Amino acid sequence: MRMNEVTFDDSRPVDGYGPGFFRIAGEVVVGPVMILPSGVSGWGGYEDRAPLIQTAGQIDVLFIGTGAEIAQIPADLRRALEDAGLGVEIASSPAACRTYNVLLSEGRRVGLAALPV
């Protein structure tokens, strides 16, 4: 079996996560996190939609991690994101991080907004 090392170029992969934190490209972020073309930052949760909407045209898919378990996001948030032209995928935060990393390694235009586990 041949093993290939994954490289992310200038992108910011999720290196790990745990109770209340994420490790993004070697840096620890405590609390909810956003990884967007503009950079990595804290996220104010479901009410903090403006920075997500501003990524329309820059990313094709936005993964929203809902914490330890998959849960619905507020319908008005989903509607606002989709009206802005963003593809939205909802998953538990661990699944959202893994899928984000896979697509990021393929060079896809993706973003992540996640609540901690």
PDB file of N, CA and C in Angstrom:
ATOM      1  N   MET A   1       0.833  -1.173   0.000  1.00  0.00           N
ATOM      2  CA  MET A   1       0.000   0.000   0.000  1.00  0.00           C
ATOM      3  C   MET A   1       0.879   1.237   0.000  1.00  0.00           C
ATOM      4  N   ARG A   2       0.542   2.182  -0.854  1.00  0.00           N
ATOM      5  CA  ARG A   2       1.291   3.423  -0.920  1.00  0.00           C
ATOM      6  C   ARG A   2       0.597   4.481  -0.072  1.00  0.00           C
ATOM      7  N   MET A   3       1.352   5.166   0.759  1.00  0.00           N
ATOM      8  CA  MET A   3       0.809   6.227   1.605  1.00  0.00           C
ATOM      9  C   MET A   3       1.271   7.569   1.062  1.00  0.00           C
ATOM     10  N   ASN A   4       0.364   8.502   0.970  1.00  0.00           N
ATOM     11  CA  ASN A   4       0.682   9.864   0.535  1.00  0.00           C
ATOM     12  C   ASN A   4       0.406  10.830   1.666  1.00  0.00           C
ATOM     13  N   GLU A   5       1.333  11.736   1.886  1.00  0.00           N
ATOM     14  CA  GLU A   5       1.124  12.754   2.905  1.00  0.00           C
ATOM     15  C   GLU A   5       0.218  13.833   2.334  1.00  0.00           C
ATOM     16  N   VAL A   6      -0.758  14.252   3.112  1.00  0.00           N
ATOM     17  CA  VAL A   6      -1.672  15.296   2.681  1.00  0.00           C
ATOM     18  C   VAL A   6      -1.031  16.647   2.953  1.00  0.00           C
ATOM     19  N   THR A   7      -1.057  17.516   1.950  1.00  0.00           N
ATOM     20  CA  THR A   7      -0.570  18.876   2.130  1.00  0.00           C
ATOM     21  C   THR A   7      -1.732  19.837   1.921  1.00  0.00           C
ATOM     22  N   PHE A   8      -1.722  20.931   2.648  1.00  0.00           N
ATOM     23  CA  PHE A   8      -2.833  21.873   2.600  1.00  0.00           C
ATOM     24  C   PHE A   8      -2.437  23.230   2.028  1.00  0.00           C
ATOM     25  N   ASP A   9      -1.219  23.391   1.506  1.00  0.00           N
ATOM     26  CA  ASP A   9      -0.761  24.667   0.976  1.00  0.00           C
ATOM     27  C   ASP A   9      -0.957  25.766   2.021  1.00  0.00           C
ATOM     28  N   ASP A  10      -1.659  26.840   1.657  1.00  0.00           N
ATOM     29  CA  ASP A  10      -1.891  27.953   2.585  1.00  0.00           C
ATOM     30  C   ASP A  10      -3.175  27.787   3.386  1.00  0.00           C
ATOM     31  N   SER A  11      -3.866  26.687   3.196  1.00  0.00           N
ATOM     32  CA  SER A  11      -5.145  26.468   3.860  1.00  0.00           C
ATOM     33  C   SER A  11      -4.941  26.134   5.331  1.00  0.00           C
ATOM     34  N   ARG A  12      -6.035  26.161   6.067  1.00  0.00           N
ATOM     35  CA  ARG A  12      -5.982  25.953   7.513  1.00  0.00           C
ATOM     36  C   ARG A  12      -6.800  24.722   7.907  1.00  0.00           C
ATOM     37  N   PRO A  13      -6.157  23.564   8.024  1.00  0.00           N
ATOM     38  CA  PRO A  13      -6.894  22.360   8.413  1.00  0.00           C
ATOM     39  C   PRO A  13      -7.187  22.336   9.920  1.00  0.00           C
ATOM     40  N   VAL A  14      -8.171  21.529  10.266  1.00  0.00           N
ATOM     41  CA  VAL A  14      -8.465  21.288  11.680  1.00  0.00           C
ATOM     42  C   VAL A  14      -7.554  20.149  12.121  1.00  0.00           C
ATOM     43  N   ASP A  15      -6.614  20.456  13.015  1.00  0.00           N
ATOM     44  CA  ASP A  15      -5.666  19.448  13.498  1.00  0.00           C
ATOM     45  C   ASP A  15      -6.254  18.615  14.631  1.00  0.00           C
ATOM     46  N   GLY A  16      -7.200  19.179  15.358  1.00  0.00           N
ATOM     47  CA  GLY A  16      -7.796  18.452  16.476  1.00  0.00           C
ATOM     48  C   GLY A  16      -8.858  19.292  17.153  1.00  0.00           C
ATOM     49  N   TYR A  17      -9.552  18.661  18.071  1.00  0.00           N
ATOM     50  CA  TYR A  17     -10.596  19.334  18.832  1.00  0.00           C
ATOM     51  C   TYR A  17     -10.825  18.552  20.115  1.00  0.00           C
ATOM     52  N   GLY A  18     -11.422  19.213  21.068  1.00  0.00           N
ATOM     53  CA  GLY A  18     -11.726  18.576  22.344  1.00  0.00           C
ATOM     54  C   GLY A  18     -12.763  19.398  23.074  1.00  0.00           C
ATOM     55  N   PRO A  19     -12.985  19.105  24.333  1.00  0.00           N
ATOM     56  CA  PRO A  19     -14.012  19.833  25.085  1.00  0.00           C
ATOM     57  C   PRO A  19     -13.722  21.335  25.116  1.00  0.00           C
ATOM     58  N   GLY A  20     -14.480  22.097  24.348  1.00  0.00           N
ATOM     59  CA  GLY A  20     -14.375  23.546  24.376  1.00  0.00           C
ATOM     60  C   GLY A  20     -13.335  24.176  23.484  1.00  0.00           C
ATOM     61  N   PHE A  21     -12.608  23.408  22.664  1.00  0.00           N
ATOM     62  CA  PHE A  21     -11.561  24.013  21.839  1.00  0.00           C
ATOM     63  C   PHE A  21     -11.404  23.295  20.501  1.00  0.00           C
ATOM     64  N   PHE A  22     -10.734  23.996  19.582  1.00  0.00           N
ATOM     65  CA  PHE A  22     -10.304  23.447  18.294  1.00  0.00           C
ATOM     66  C   PHE A  22      -8.836  23.799  18.116  1.00  0.00           C
ATOM     67  N   ARG A  23      -8.084  22.942  17.428  1.00  0.00           N
ATOM     68  CA  ARG A  23      -6.708  23.260  17.053  1.00  0.00           C
ATOM     69  C   ARG A  23      -6.703  23.388  15.536  1.00  0.00           C
ATOM     70  N   ILE A  24      -6.456  24.597  15.062  1.00  0.00           N
ATOM     71  CA  ILE A  24      -6.507  24.921  13.641  1.00  0.00           C
ATOM     72  C   ILE A  24      -5.104  25.304  13.185  1.00  0.00           C
ATOM     73  N   ALA A  25      -4.557  24.522  12.248  1.00  0.00           N
ATOM     74  CA  ALA A  25      -3.221  24.799  11.707  1.00  0.00           C
ATOM     75  C   ALA A  25      -2.224  25.058  12.832  1.00  0.00           C
ATOM     76  N   GLY A  26      -2.321  24.272  13.908  1.00  0.00           N
ATOM     77  CA  GLY A  26      -1.381  24.359  15.017  1.00  0.00           C
ATOM     78  C   GLY A  26      -1.744  25.363  16.101  1.00  0.00           C
ATOM     79  N   GLU A  27      -2.756  26.186  15.890  1.00  0.00           N
ATOM     80  CA  GLU A  27      -3.162  27.195  16.865  1.00  0.00           C
ATOM     81  C   GLU A  27      -4.447  26.754  17.566  1.00  0.00           C
ATOM     82  N   VAL A  28      -4.520  26.977  18.861  1.00  0.00           N
ATOM     83  CA  VAL A  28      -5.711  26.608  19.629  1.00  0.00           C
ATOM     84  C   VAL A  28      -6.701  27.782  19.633  1.00  0.00           C
ATOM     85  N   VAL A  29      -7.956  27.465  19.330  1.00  0.00           N
ATOM     86  CA  VAL A  29      -9.050  28.434  19.410  1.00  0.00           C
ATOM     87  C   VAL A  29     -10.040  27.887  20.433  1.00  0.00           C
ATOM     88  N   VAL A  30     -10.305  28.658  21.471  1.00  0.00           N
ATOM     89  CA  VAL A  30     -11.244  28.241  22.509  1.00  0.00           C
ATOM     90  C   VAL A  30     -12.634  28.733  22.127  1.00  0.00           C
ATOM     91  N   GLY A  31     -13.611  27.839  22.225  1.00  0.00           N
ATOM     92  CA  GLY A  31     -14.991  28.187  21.898  1.00  0.00           C
ATOM     93  C   GLY A  31     -15.311  27.937  20.437  1.00  0.00           C
ATOM     94  N   PRO A  32     -16.469  28.420  19.985  1.00  0.00           N
ATOM     95  CA  PRO A  32     -16.866  28.238  18.588  1.00  0.00           C
ATOM     96  C   PRO A  32     -15.861  28.884  17.645  1.00  0.00           C
ATOM     97  N   VAL A  33     -15.703  28.296  16.452  1.00  0.00           N
ATOM     98  CA  VAL A  33     -14.679  28.753  15.514  1.00  0.00           C
ATOM     99  C   VAL A  33     -15.247  28.881  14.105  1.00  0.00           C
ATOM    100  N   MET A  34     -14.683  29.819  13.347  1.00  0.00           N
ATOM    101  CA  MET A  34     -14.958  29.948  11.919  1.00  0.00           C
ATOM    102  C   MET A  34     -13.633  29.834  11.176  1.00  0.00           C
ATOM    103  N   ILE A  35     -13.641  29.066  10.094  1.00  0.00           N
ATOM    104  CA  ILE A  35     -12.490  29.024   9.195  1.00  0.00           C
ATOM    105  C   ILE A  35     -13.027  29.415   7.826  1.00  0.00           C
ATOM    106  N   LEU A  36     -12.680  30.613   7.416  1.00  0.00           N
ATOM    107  CA  LEU A  36     -13.182  31.186   6.172  1.00  0.00           C
ATOM    108  C   LEU A  36     -12.003  31.682   5.346  1.00  0.00           C
ATOM    109  N   PRO A  37     -12.214  32.052   4.089  1.00  0.00           N
ATOM    110  CA  PRO A  37     -11.105  32.575   3.300  1.00  0.00           C
ATOM    111  C   PRO A  37     -10.406  33.766   3.962  1.00  0.00           C
ATOM    112  N   SER A  38     -11.124  34.523   4.786  1.00  0.00           N
ATOM    113  CA  SER A  38     -10.537  35.678   5.465  1.00  0.00           C
ATOM    114  C   SER A  38      -9.653  35.288   6.640  1.00  0.00           C
ATOM    115  N   GLY A  39      -9.736  34.027   7.089  1.00  0.00           N
ATOM    116  CA  GLY A  39      -8.898  33.566   8.186  1.00  0.00           C
ATOM    117  C   GLY A  39      -9.673  32.765   9.220  1.00  0.00           C
ATOM    118  N   VAL A  40      -8.999  32.507  10.316  1.00  0.00           N
ATOM    119  CA  VAL A  40      -9.569  31.747  11.428  1.00  0.00           C
ATOM    120  C   VAL A  40      -9.925  32.733  12.526  1.00  0.00           C
ATOM    121  N   SER A  41     -11.133  32.568  13.087  1.00  0.00           N
ATOM    122  CA  SER A  41     -11.528  33.453  14.187  1.00  0.00           C
ATOM    123  C   SER A  41     -12.577  32.764  15.033  1.00  0.00           C
ATOM    124  N   GLY A  42     -12.857  33.366  16.169  1.00  0.00           N
ATOM    125  CA  GLY A  42     -13.948  32.894  16.993  1.00  0.00           C
ATOM    126  C   GLY A  42     -15.261  33.148  16.269  1.00  0.00           C
ATOM    127  N   TRP A  43     -16.264  32.384  16.624  1.00  0.00           N
ATOM    128  CA  TRP A  43     -17.589  32.521  16.007  1.00  0.00           C
ATOM    129  C   TRP A  43     -18.603  32.758  17.105  1.00  0.00           C
ATOM    130  N   GLY A  44     -19.517  33.664  16.891  1.00  0.00           N
ATOM    131  CA  GLY A  44     -20.533  33.996  17.889  1.00  0.00           C
ATOM    132  C   GLY A  44     -21.729  33.070  17.883  1.00  0.00           C
ATOM    133  N   GLY A  45     -21.658  31.958  17.167  1.00  0.00           N
ATOM    134  CA  GLY A  45     -22.757  31.005  17.131  1.00  0.00           C
ATOM    135  C   GLY A  45     -23.768  31.351  16.057  1.00  0.00           C
ATOM    136  N   TYR A  46     -24.926  30.750  16.156  1.00  0.00           N
ATOM    137  CA  TYR A  46     -25.940  30.846  15.109  1.00  0.00           C
ATOM    138  C   TYR A  46     -26.381  32.270  14.799  1.00  0.00           C
ATOM    139  N   GLU A  47     -26.288  33.174  15.749  1.00  0.00           N
ATOM    140  CA  GLU A  47     -26.684  34.568  15.505  1.00  0.00           C
ATOM    141  C   GLU A  47     -25.612  35.354  14.747  1.00  0.00           C
ATOM    142  N   ASP A  48     -24.405  34.841  14.694  1.00  0.00           N
ATOM    143  CA  ASP A  48     -23.276  35.521  14.042  1.00  0.00           C
ATOM    144  C   ASP A  48     -23.218  35.096  12.575  1.00  0.00           C
ATOM    145  N   ARG A  49     -24.177  35.567  11.791  1.00  0.00           N
ATOM    146  CA  ARG A  49     -24.298  35.106  10.406  1.00  0.00           C
ATOM    147  C   ARG A  49     -23.620  36.006   9.389  1.00  0.00           C
ATOM    148  N   ALA A  50     -23.386  37.282   9.698  1.00  0.00           N
ATOM    149  CA  ALA A  50     -22.823  38.221   8.722  1.00  0.00           C
ATOM    150  C   ALA A  50     -21.499  37.744   8.116  1.00  0.00           C
ATOM    151  N   PRO A  51     -20.526  37.291   8.919  1.00  0.00           N
ATOM    152  CA  PRO A  51     -19.272  36.862   8.294  1.00  0.00           C
ATOM    153  C   PRO A  51     -19.448  35.630   7.408  1.00  0.00           C
ATOM    154  N   LEU A  52     -20.426  34.800   7.722  1.00  0.00           N
ATOM    155  CA  LEU A  52     -20.682  33.618   6.899  1.00  0.00           C
ATOM    156  C   LEU A  52     -21.279  34.033   5.566  1.00  0.00           C
ATOM    157  N   ILE A  53     -22.241  34.927   5.597  1.00  0.00           N
ATOM    158  CA  ILE A  53     -22.891  35.394   4.370  1.00  0.00           C
ATOM    159  C   ILE A  53     -21.899  36.119   3.479  1.00  0.00           C
ATOM    160  N   GLN A  54     -20.941  36.810   4.066  1.00  0.00           N
ATOM    161  CA  GLN A  54     -19.948  37.550   3.289  1.00  0.00           C
ATOM    162  C   GLN A  54     -19.042  36.638   2.465  1.00  0.00           C
ATOM    163  N   THR A  55     -19.047  35.337   2.756  1.00  0.00           N
ATOM    164  CA  THR A  55     -18.194  34.415   1.992  1.00  0.00           C
ATOM    165  C   THR A  55     -18.851  33.953   0.698  1.00  0.00           C
ATOM    166  N   ALA A  56     -20.100  34.363   0.455  1.00  0.00           N
ATOM    167  CA  ALA A  56     -20.781  33.970  -0.784  1.00  0.00           C
ATOM    168  C   ALA A  56     -19.911  34.365  -1.978  1.00  0.00           C
ATOM    169  N   GLY A  57     -19.720  33.434  -2.875  1.00  0.00           N
ATOM    170  CA  GLY A  57     -18.862  33.650  -4.032  1.00  0.00           C
ATOM    171  C   GLY A  57     -17.411  33.255  -3.797  1.00  0.00           C
ATOM    172  N   GLN A  58     -17.016  33.128  -2.518  1.00  0.00           N
ATOM    173  CA  GLN A  58     -15.643  32.737  -2.192  1.00  0.00           C
ATOM    174  C   GLN A  58     -15.528  31.257  -1.864  1.00  0.00           C
ATOM    175  N   ILE A  59     -16.626  30.679  -1.365  1.00  0.00           N
ATOM    176  CA  ILE A  59     -16.641  29.247  -1.051  1.00  0.00           C
ATOM    177  C   ILE A  59     -17.869  28.616  -1.693  1.00  0.00           C
ATOM    178  N   ASP A  60     -17.802  27.329  -1.910  1.00  0.00           N
ATOM    179  CA  ASP A  60     -18.929  26.605  -2.491  1.00  0.00           C
ATOM    180  C   ASP A  60     -19.779  25.929  -1.419  1.00  0.00           C
ATOM    181  N   VAL A  61     -19.129  25.471  -0.356  1.00  0.00           N
ATOM    182  CA  VAL A  61     -19.831  24.753   0.707  1.00  0.00           C
ATOM    183  C   VAL A  61     -19.372  25.274   2.062  1.00  0.00           C
ATOM    184  N   LEU A  62     -20.348  25.518   2.924  1.00  0.00           N
ATOM    185  CA  LEU A  62     -20.081  25.894   4.309  1.00  0.00           C
ATOM    186  C   LEU A  62     -20.543  24.746   5.189  1.00  0.00           C
ATOM    187  N   PHE A  63     -19.613  24.193   5.954  1.00  0.00           N
ATOM    188  CA  PHE A  63     -19.953  23.140   6.913  1.00  0.00           C
ATOM    189  C   PHE A  63     -20.246  23.803   8.246  1.00  0.00           C
ATOM    190  N   ILE A  64     -21.363  23.444   8.839  1.00  0.00           N
ATOM    191  CA  ILE A  64     -21.713  23.948  10.163  1.00  0.00           C
ATOM    192  C   ILE A  64     -21.711  22.770  11.123  1.00  0.00           C
ATOM    193  N   GLY A  65     -20.806  22.842  12.091  1.00  0.00           N
ATOM    194  CA  GLY A  65     -20.709  21.817  13.124  1.00  0.00           C
ATOM    195  C   GLY A  65     -21.571  22.210  14.306  1.00  0.00           C
ATOM    196  N   THR A  66     -22.466  21.325  14.695  1.00  0.00           N
ATOM    197  CA  THR A  66     -23.453  21.637  15.733  1.00  0.00           C
ATOM    198  C   THR A  66     -23.070  21.133  17.120  1.00  0.00           C
ATOM    199  N   GLY A  67     -21.810  20.818  17.328  1.00  0.00           N
ATOM    200  CA  GLY A  67     -21.373  20.315  18.623  1.00  0.00           C
ATOM    201  C   GLY A  67     -21.169  18.817  18.590  1.00  0.00           C
ATOM    202  N   ALA A  68     -21.291  18.178  19.734  1.00  0.00           N
ATOM    203  CA  ALA A  68     -21.010  16.741  19.836  1.00  0.00           C
ATOM    204  C   ALA A  68     -21.998  15.899  19.036  1.00  0.00           C
ATOM    205  N   GLU A  69     -23.218  16.366  18.892  1.00  0.00           N
ATOM    206  CA  GLU A  69     -24.261  15.634  18.165  1.00  0.00           C
ATOM    207  C   GLU A  69     -24.804  16.494  17.035  1.00  0.00           C
ATOM    208  N   ILE A  70     -25.286  15.844  15.992  1.00  0.00           N
ATOM    209  CA  ILE A  70     -25.922  16.586  14.912  1.00  0.00           C
ATOM    210  C   ILE A  70     -27.241  17.158  15.413  1.00  0.00           C
ATOM    211  N   ALA A  71     -27.530  18.383  15.012  1.00  0.00           N
ATOM    212  CA  ALA A  71     -28.763  19.061  15.413  1.00  0.00           C
ATOM    213  C   ALA A  71     -29.177  20.003  14.290  1.00  0.00           C
ATOM    214  N   GLN A  72     -30.406  20.386  14.293  1.00  0.00           N
ATOM    215  CA  GLN A  72     -30.887  21.354  13.317  1.00  0.00           C
ATOM    216  C   GLN A  72     -30.344  22.739  13.668  1.00  0.00           C
ATOM    217  N   ILE A  73     -30.079  23.530  12.642  1.00  0.00           N
ATOM    218  CA  ILE A  73     -29.748  24.931  12.877  1.00  0.00           C
ATOM    219  C   ILE A  73     -31.046  25.724  12.715  1.00  0.00           C
ATOM    220  N   PRO A  74     -31.098  26.943  13.212  1.00  0.00           N
ATOM    221  CA  PRO A  74     -32.314  27.741  13.041  1.00  0.00           C
ATOM    222  C   PRO A  74     -32.675  27.881  11.556  1.00  0.00           C
ATOM    223  N   ALA A  75     -33.949  27.727  11.263  1.00  0.00           N
ATOM    224  CA  ALA A  75     -34.411  27.774   9.868  1.00  0.00           C
ATOM    225  C   ALA A  75     -34.081  29.103   9.201  1.00  0.00           C
ATOM    226  N   ASP A  76     -34.151  30.204   9.941  1.00  0.00           N
ATOM    227  CA  ASP A  76     -33.846  31.501   9.329  1.00  0.00           C
ATOM    228  C   ASP A  76     -32.364  31.632   8.989  1.00  0.00           C
ATOM    229  N   LEU A  77     -31.494  30.984   9.751  1.00  0.00           N
ATOM    230  CA  LEU A  77     -30.064  30.986   9.430  1.00  0.00           C
ATOM    231  C   LEU A  77     -29.825  30.200   8.145  1.00  0.00           C
ATOM    232  N   ARG A  78     -30.378  29.013   8.059  1.00  0.00           N
ATOM    233  CA  ARG A  78     -30.222  28.203   6.842  1.00  0.00           C
ATOM    234  C   ARG A  78     -30.739  28.962   5.627  1.00  0.00           C
ATOM    235  N   ARG A  79     -31.913  29.562   5.755  1.00  0.00           N
ATOM    236  CA  ARG A  79     -32.519  30.301   4.652  1.00  0.00           C
ATOM    237  C   ARG A  79     -31.627  31.471   4.230  1.00  0.00           C
ATOM    238  N   ALA A  80     -31.084  32.212   5.194  1.00  0.00           N
ATOM    239  CA  ALA A  80     -30.213  33.357   4.881  1.00  0.00           C
ATOM    240  C   ALA A  80     -28.951  32.908   4.152  1.00  0.00           C
ATOM    241  N   LEU A  81     -28.361  31.809   4.590  1.00  0.00           N
ATOM    242  CA  LEU A  81     -27.152  31.309   3.947  1.00  0.00           C
ATOM    243  C   LEU A  81     -27.446  30.811   2.533  1.00  0.00           C
ATOM    244  N   GLU A  82     -28.520  30.064   2.383  1.00  0.00           N
ATOM    245  CA  GLU A  82     -28.874  29.553   1.064  1.00  0.00           C
ATOM    246  C   GLU A  82     -29.295  30.681   0.124  1.00  0.00           C
ATOM    247  N   ASP A  83     -30.010  31.686   0.625  1.00  0.00           N
ATOM    248  CA  ASP A  83     -30.384  32.840  -0.193  1.00  0.00           C
ATOM    249  C   ASP A  83     -29.159  33.603  -0.674  1.00  0.00           C
ATOM    250  N   ALA A  84     -28.073  33.553   0.108  1.00  0.00           N
ATOM    251  CA  ALA A  84     -26.825  34.209  -0.288  1.00  0.00           C
ATOM    252  C   ALA A  84     -26.053  33.379  -1.322  1.00  0.00           C
ATOM    253  N   GLY A  85     -26.529  32.167  -1.598  1.00  0.00           N
ATOM    254  CA  GLY A  85     -25.875  31.326  -2.594  1.00  0.00           C
ATOM    255  C   GLY A  85     -24.876  30.339  -2.040  1.00  0.00           C
ATOM    256  N   LEU A  86     -24.910  30.138  -0.729  1.00  0.00           N
ATOM    257  CA  LEU A  86     -23.985  29.199  -0.102  1.00  0.00           C
ATOM    258  C   LEU A  86     -24.608  27.811  -0.002  1.00  0.00           C
ATOM    259  N   GLY A  87     -23.839  26.793  -0.344  1.00  0.00           N
ATOM    260  CA  GLY A  87     -24.238  25.430  -0.044  1.00  0.00           C
ATOM    261  C   GLY A  87     -23.980  25.200   1.430  1.00  0.00           C
ATOM    262  N   VAL A  88     -24.935  24.653   2.143  1.00  0.00           N
ATOM    263  CA  VAL A  88     -24.820  24.468   3.591  1.00  0.00           C
ATOM    264  C   VAL A  88     -24.940  22.993   3.918  1.00  0.00           C
ATOM    265  N   GLU A  89     -23.971  22.476   4.663  1.00  0.00           N
ATOM    266  CA  GLU A  89     -24.006  21.089   5.144  1.00  0.00           C
ATOM    267  C   GLU A  89     -23.931  21.114   6.659  1.00  0.00           C
ATOM    268  N   ILE A  90     -24.892  20.462   7.298  1.00  0.00           N
ATOM    269  CA  ILE A  90     -24.962  20.419   8.749  1.00  0.00           C
ATOM    270  C   ILE A  90     -24.487  19.047   9.219  1.00  0.00           C
ATOM    271  N   ALA A  91     -23.650  19.029  10.261  1.00  0.00           N
ATOM    272  CA  ALA A  91     -23.143  17.771  10.815  1.00  0.00           C
ATOM    273  C   ALA A  91     -22.726  18.016  12.253  1.00  0.00           C
ATOM    274  N   SER A  92     -22.453  16.941  12.970  1.00  0.00           N
ATOM    275  CA  SER A  92     -21.819  17.124  14.277  1.00  0.00           C
ATOM    276  C   SER A  92     -20.469  17.790  14.016  1.00  0.00           C
ATOM    277  N   SER A  93     -19.930  18.469  14.997  1.00  0.00           N
ATOM    278  CA  SER A  93     -18.649  19.155  14.775  1.00  0.00           C
ATOM    279  C   SER A  93     -17.520  18.203  14.383  1.00  0.00           C
ATOM    280  N   PRO A  94     -17.383  17.016  15.015  1.00  0.00           N
ATOM    281  CA  PRO A  94     -16.330  16.104  14.566  1.00  0.00           C
ATOM    282  C   PRO A  94     -16.480  15.716  13.092  1.00  0.00           C
ATOM    283  N   ALA A  95     -17.699  15.401  12.665  1.00  0.00           N
ATOM    284  CA  ALA A  95     -17.916  15.016  11.262  1.00  0.00           C
ATOM    285  C   ALA A  95     -17.691  16.201  10.338  1.00  0.00           C
ATOM    286  N   ALA A  96     -18.124  17.392  10.737  1.00  0.00           N
ATOM    287  CA  ALA A  96     -17.920  18.588   9.918  1.00  0.00           C
ATOM    288  C   ALA A  96     -16.431  18.876   9.745  1.00  0.00           C
ATOM    289  N   CYS A  97     -15.649  18.726  10.817  1.00  0.00           N
ATOM    290  CA  CYS A  97     -14.201  18.959  10.741  1.00  0.00           C
ATOM    291  C   CYS A  97     -13.529  17.961   9.809  1.00  0.00           C
ATOM    292  N   ARG A  98     -13.890  16.688   9.933  1.00  0.00           N
ATOM    293  CA  ARG A  98     -13.281  15.666   9.071  1.00  0.00           C
ATOM    294  C   ARG A  98     -13.605  15.911   7.605  1.00  0.00           C
ATOM    295  N   THR A  99     -14.865  16.194   7.310  1.00  0.00           N
ATOM    296  CA  THR A  99     -15.267  16.407   5.926  1.00  0.00           C
ATOM    297  C   THR A  99     -14.639  17.676   5.371  1.00  0.00           C
ATOM    298  N   TYR A 100     -14.591  18.722   6.176  1.00  0.00           N
ATOM    299  CA  TYR A 100     -13.931  19.965   5.790  1.00  0.00           C
ATOM    300  C   TYR A 100     -12.475  19.679   5.402  1.00  0.00           C
ATOM    301  N   ASN A 101     -11.758  18.923   6.226  1.00  0.00           N
ATOM    302  CA  ASN A 101     -10.353  18.616   5.945  1.00  0.00           C
ATOM    303  C   ASN A 101     -10.185  17.842   4.641  1.00  0.00           C
ATOM    304  N   VAL A 102     -11.052  16.858   4.409  1.00  0.00           N
ATOM    305  CA  VAL A 102     -10.946  16.058   3.180  1.00  0.00           C
ATOM    306  C   VAL A 102     -11.125  16.950   1.962  1.00  0.00           C
ATOM    307  N   LEU A 103     -12.165  17.760   1.957  1.00  0.00           N
ATOM    308  CA  LEU A 103     -12.409  18.622   0.800  1.00  0.00           C
ATOM    309  C   LEU A 103     -11.338  19.697   0.667  1.00  0.00           C
ATOM    310  N   LEU A 104     -10.842  20.198   1.779  1.00  0.00           N
ATOM    311  CA  LEU A 104      -9.753  21.169   1.758  1.00  0.00           C
ATOM    312  C   LEU A 104      -8.516  20.566   1.117  1.00  0.00           C
ATOM    313  N   SER A 105      -8.210  19.311   1.445  1.00  0.00           N
ATOM    314  CA  SER A 105      -7.026  18.648   0.869  1.00  0.00           C
ATOM    315  C   SER A 105      -7.171  18.427  -0.629  1.00  0.00           C
ATOM    316  N   GLU A 106      -8.408  18.413  -1.118  1.00  0.00           N
ATOM    317  CA  GLU A 106      -8.667  18.271  -2.552  1.00  0.00           C
ATOM    318  C   GLU A 106      -8.665  19.616  -3.263  1.00  0.00           C
ATOM    319  N   GLY A 107      -8.427  20.688  -2.525  1.00  0.00           N
ATOM    320  CA  GLY A 107      -8.382  22.009  -3.124  1.00  0.00           C
ATOM    321  C   GLY A 107      -9.749  22.639  -3.320  1.00  0.00           C
ATOM    322  N   ARG A 108     -10.756  22.111  -2.676  1.00  0.00           N
ATOM    323  CA  ARG A 108     -12.114  22.645  -2.814  1.00  0.00           C
ATOM    324  C   ARG A 108     -12.272  23.940  -2.025  1.00  0.00           C
ATOM    325  N   ARG A 109     -13.230  24.752  -2.422  1.00  0.00           N
ATOM    326  CA  ARG A 109     -13.519  26.039  -1.769  1.00  0.00           C
ATOM    327  C   ARG A 109     -14.545  25.792  -0.665  1.00  0.00           C
ATOM    328  N   VAL A 110     -14.053  25.602   0.563  1.00  0.00           N
ATOM    329  CA  VAL A 110     -14.925  25.249   1.681  1.00  0.00           C
ATOM    330  C   VAL A 110     -14.676  26.177   2.863  1.00  0.00           C
ATOM    331  N   GLY A 111     -15.669  26.258   3.733  1.00  0.00           N
ATOM    332  CA  GLY A 111     -15.566  26.988   4.971  1.00  0.00           C
ATOM    333  C   GLY A 111     -16.163  26.161   6.086  1.00  0.00           C
ATOM    334  N   LEU A 112     -15.851  26.527   7.311  1.00  0.00           N
ATOM    335  CA  LEU A 112     -16.335  25.802   8.483  1.00  0.00           C
ATOM    336  C   LEU A 112     -16.731  26.792   9.565  1.00  0.00           C
ATOM    337  N   ALA A 113     -17.885  26.562  10.164  1.00  0.00           N
ATOM    338  CA  ALA A 113     -18.307  27.262  11.376  1.00  0.00           C
ATOM    339  C   ALA A 113     -18.742  26.168  12.322  1.00  0.00           C
ATOM    340  N   ALA A 114     -18.103  26.074  13.490  1.00  0.00           N
ATOM    341  CA  ALA A 114     -18.364  24.928  14.352  1.00  0.00           C
ATOM    342  C   ALA A 114     -18.442  25.317  15.820  1.00  0.00           C
ATOM    343  N   LEU A 115     -19.398  24.670  16.486  1.00  0.00           N
ATOM    344  CA  LEU A 115     -19.512  24.765  17.942  1.00  0.00           C
ATOM    345  C   LEU A 115     -18.646  23.666  18.550  1.00  0.00           C
ATOM    346  N   PRO A 116     -18.031  23.916  19.686  1.00  0.00           N
ATOM    347  CA  PRO A 116     -17.164  22.889  20.284  1.00  0.00           C
ATOM    348  C   PRO A 116     -17.967  21.692  20.799  1.00  0.00           C
ATOM    349  N   VAL A 117     -17.249  20.579  20.957  1.00  0.00           N
ATOM    350  CA  VAL A 117     -17.872  19.353  21.497  1.00  0.00           C
ATOM    351  C   VAL A 117     -17.904  19.436  23.005  1.00  0.00           C
TER     352      VAL A 117
END
